[in-house]
Amino acid sequence: GPVAETFRVIQGAMTEEHVGSTQGVFQFELSGDGGGTWYIDLKTKGGSAGFGKPPVTADVVMSMSSADFVKMFT
């Protein structure tokens, strides 16, 4: 779905430079289609993004609809 595709694109765009300059972990609690817990880890070496809880404690947790999440990142 659109949420999974958005996270796939984010994962593919990550660089060590993004991770080094951001140093943050973002957790998203999404409601609606494709909802659930998702994360973007821009702190751990290499970075990662995907479904589920982040591998380390989130610095920021955002709750929104999956539709708003997709709009925010597109």
C-alpha atoms as a PDB file:
ATOM      1  CA  GLY A   1       0.000   0.000   0.000  1.00  0.00           C
ATOM      2  CA  PRO A   2       0.933   3.694  -0.040  1.00  0.00           C
ATOM      3  CA  VAL A   3       2.400   3.666   3.494  1.00  0.00           C
ATOM      4  CA  ALA A   4       4.681   0.689   2.813  1.00  0.00           C
ATOM      5  CA  GLU A   5       5.729   2.219  -0.517  1.00  0.00           C
ATOM      6  CA  THR A   6       6.570   5.527   1.194  1.00  0.00           C
ATOM      7  CA  PHE A   7       8.785   3.731   3.729  1.00  0.00           C
ATOM      8  CA  ARG A   8      10.435   1.744   0.894  1.00  0.00           C
ATOM      9  CA  VAL A   9      11.327   5.005  -0.854  1.00  0.00           C
ATOM     10  CA  ILE A  10      12.606   6.544   2.394  1.00  0.00           C
ATOM     11  CA  GLN A  11      14.789   3.480   3.056  1.00  0.00           C
ATOM     12  CA  GLY A  12      16.184   3.644  -0.472  1.00  0.00           C
ATOM     13  CA  ALA A  13      17.042   7.338  -0.155  1.00  0.00           C
ATOM     14  CA  MET A  14      18.944   7.046   3.140  1.00  0.00           C
ATOM     15  CA  THR A  15      22.639   7.816   3.181  1.00  0.00           C
ATOM     16  CA  GLU A  16      25.298   7.809   5.906  1.00  0.00           C
ATOM     17  CA  GLU A  17      25.278  11.597   5.520  1.00  0.00           C
ATOM     18  CA  HIS A  18      21.547  11.740   6.460  1.00  0.00           C
ATOM     19  CA  VAL A  19      22.172   9.490   9.457  1.00  0.00           C
ATOM     20  CA  GLY A  20      25.225  11.443  10.601  1.00  0.00           C
ATOM     21  CA  SER A  21      23.559  14.827  10.311  1.00  0.00           C
ATOM     22  CA  THR A  22      20.145  13.888  11.726  1.00  0.00           C
ATOM     23  CA  GLN A  23      20.936  11.553  14.631  1.00  0.00           C
ATOM     24  CA  GLY A  24      17.256  10.961  15.396  1.00  0.00           C
ATOM     25  CA  VAL A  25      14.780   8.103  15.530  1.00  0.00           C
ATOM     26  CA  PHE A  26      11.183   8.779  14.528  1.00  0.00           C
ATOM     27  CA  GLN A  27       8.282   6.482  15.372  1.00  0.00           C
ATOM     28  CA  PHE A  28       4.938   6.862  13.635  1.00  0.00           C
ATOM     29  CA  GLU A  29       1.681   5.558  15.100  1.00  0.00           C
ATOM     30  CA  LEU A  30      -0.550   5.504  12.038  1.00  0.00           C
ATOM     31  CA  SER A  31      -4.295   4.896  11.896  1.00  0.00           C
ATOM     32  CA  GLY A  32      -6.290   3.797   8.862  1.00  0.00           C
ATOM     33  CA  ASP A  33      -5.191   1.776   5.826  1.00  0.00           C
ATOM     34  CA  GLY A  34      -1.620   0.560   6.228  1.00  0.00           C
ATOM     35  CA  GLY A  35      -1.583   1.826   9.781  1.00  0.00           C
ATOM     36  CA  GLY A  36       0.283   0.501  12.770  1.00  0.00           C
ATOM     37  CA  THR A  37       3.699   1.315  14.184  1.00  0.00           C
ATOM     38  CA  TRP A  38       6.383   2.351  11.663  1.00  0.00           C
ATOM     39  CA  TYR A  39       9.782   3.971  12.136  1.00  0.00           C
ATOM     40  CA  ILE A  40      12.650   5.864  10.523  1.00  0.00           C
ATOM     41  CA  ASP A  41      16.003   5.347  12.272  1.00  0.00           C
ATOM     42  CA  LEU A  42      18.469   8.081  11.360  1.00  0.00           C
ATOM     43  CA  LYS A  43      20.699   7.402  14.352  1.00  0.00           C
ATOM     44  CA  THR A  44      21.968   3.820  14.030  1.00  0.00           C
ATOM     45  CA  LYS A  45      24.803   3.209  11.529  1.00  0.00           C
ATOM     46  CA  GLY A  46      23.381   2.800   8.037  1.00  0.00           C
ATOM     47  CA  GLY A  47      19.901   3.906   9.089  1.00  0.00           C
ATOM     48  CA  SER A  48      16.731   1.915   8.561  1.00  0.00           C
ATOM     49  CA  ALA A  49      13.015   2.341   8.099  1.00  0.00           C
ATOM     50  CA  GLY A  50      10.069   0.014   8.204  1.00  0.00           C
ATOM     51  CA  PHE A  51       7.179  -1.579  10.014  1.00  0.00           C
ATOM     52  CA  GLY A  52       7.272  -2.170  13.752  1.00  0.00           C
ATOM     53  CA  LYS A  53       9.069  -0.534  16.631  1.00  0.00           C
ATOM     54  CA  PRO A  54      12.472   1.056  15.935  1.00  0.00           C
ATOM     55  CA  PRO A  55      15.597  -0.904  16.937  1.00  0.00           C
ATOM     56  CA  VAL A  56      16.414   1.787  19.521  1.00  0.00           C
ATOM     57  CA  THR A  57      14.198   4.095  21.578  1.00  0.00           C
ATOM     58  CA  ALA A  58      12.460   6.753  19.469  1.00  0.00           C
ATOM     59  CA  ASP A  59      13.389  10.390  20.005  1.00  0.00           C
ATOM     60  CA  VAL A  60      10.089  11.527  18.496  1.00  0.00           C
ATOM     61  CA  VAL A  61       6.730   9.727  18.335  1.00  0.00           C
ATOM     62  CA  MET A  62       4.067  11.080  15.976  1.00  0.00           C
ATOM     63  CA  SER A  63       0.468   9.915  15.742  1.00  0.00           C
ATOM     64  CA  MET A  64      -1.521  10.610  12.596  1.00  0.00           C
ATOM     65  CA  SER A  65      -3.652   9.005   9.936  1.00  0.00           C
ATOM     66  CA  SER A  66      -1.867   6.967   7.295  1.00  0.00           C
ATOM     67  CA  ALA A  67      -3.326   9.314   4.647  1.00  0.00           C
ATOM     68  CA  ASP A  68      -1.763  12.369   6.361  1.00  0.00           C
ATOM     69  CA  PHE A  69       1.562  10.540   6.679  1.00  0.00           C
ATOM     70  CA  VAL A  70       1.654   9.800   2.938  1.00  0.00           C
ATOM     71  CA  LYS A  71       0.718  13.434   2.157  1.00  0.00           C
ATOM     72  CA  MET A  72       3.473  14.709   4.471  1.00  0.00           C
ATOM     73  CA  PHE A  73       6.161  12.668   2.678  1.00  0.00           C
ATOM     74  CA  THR A  74       4.998  13.118  -0.931  1.00  0.00           C
END
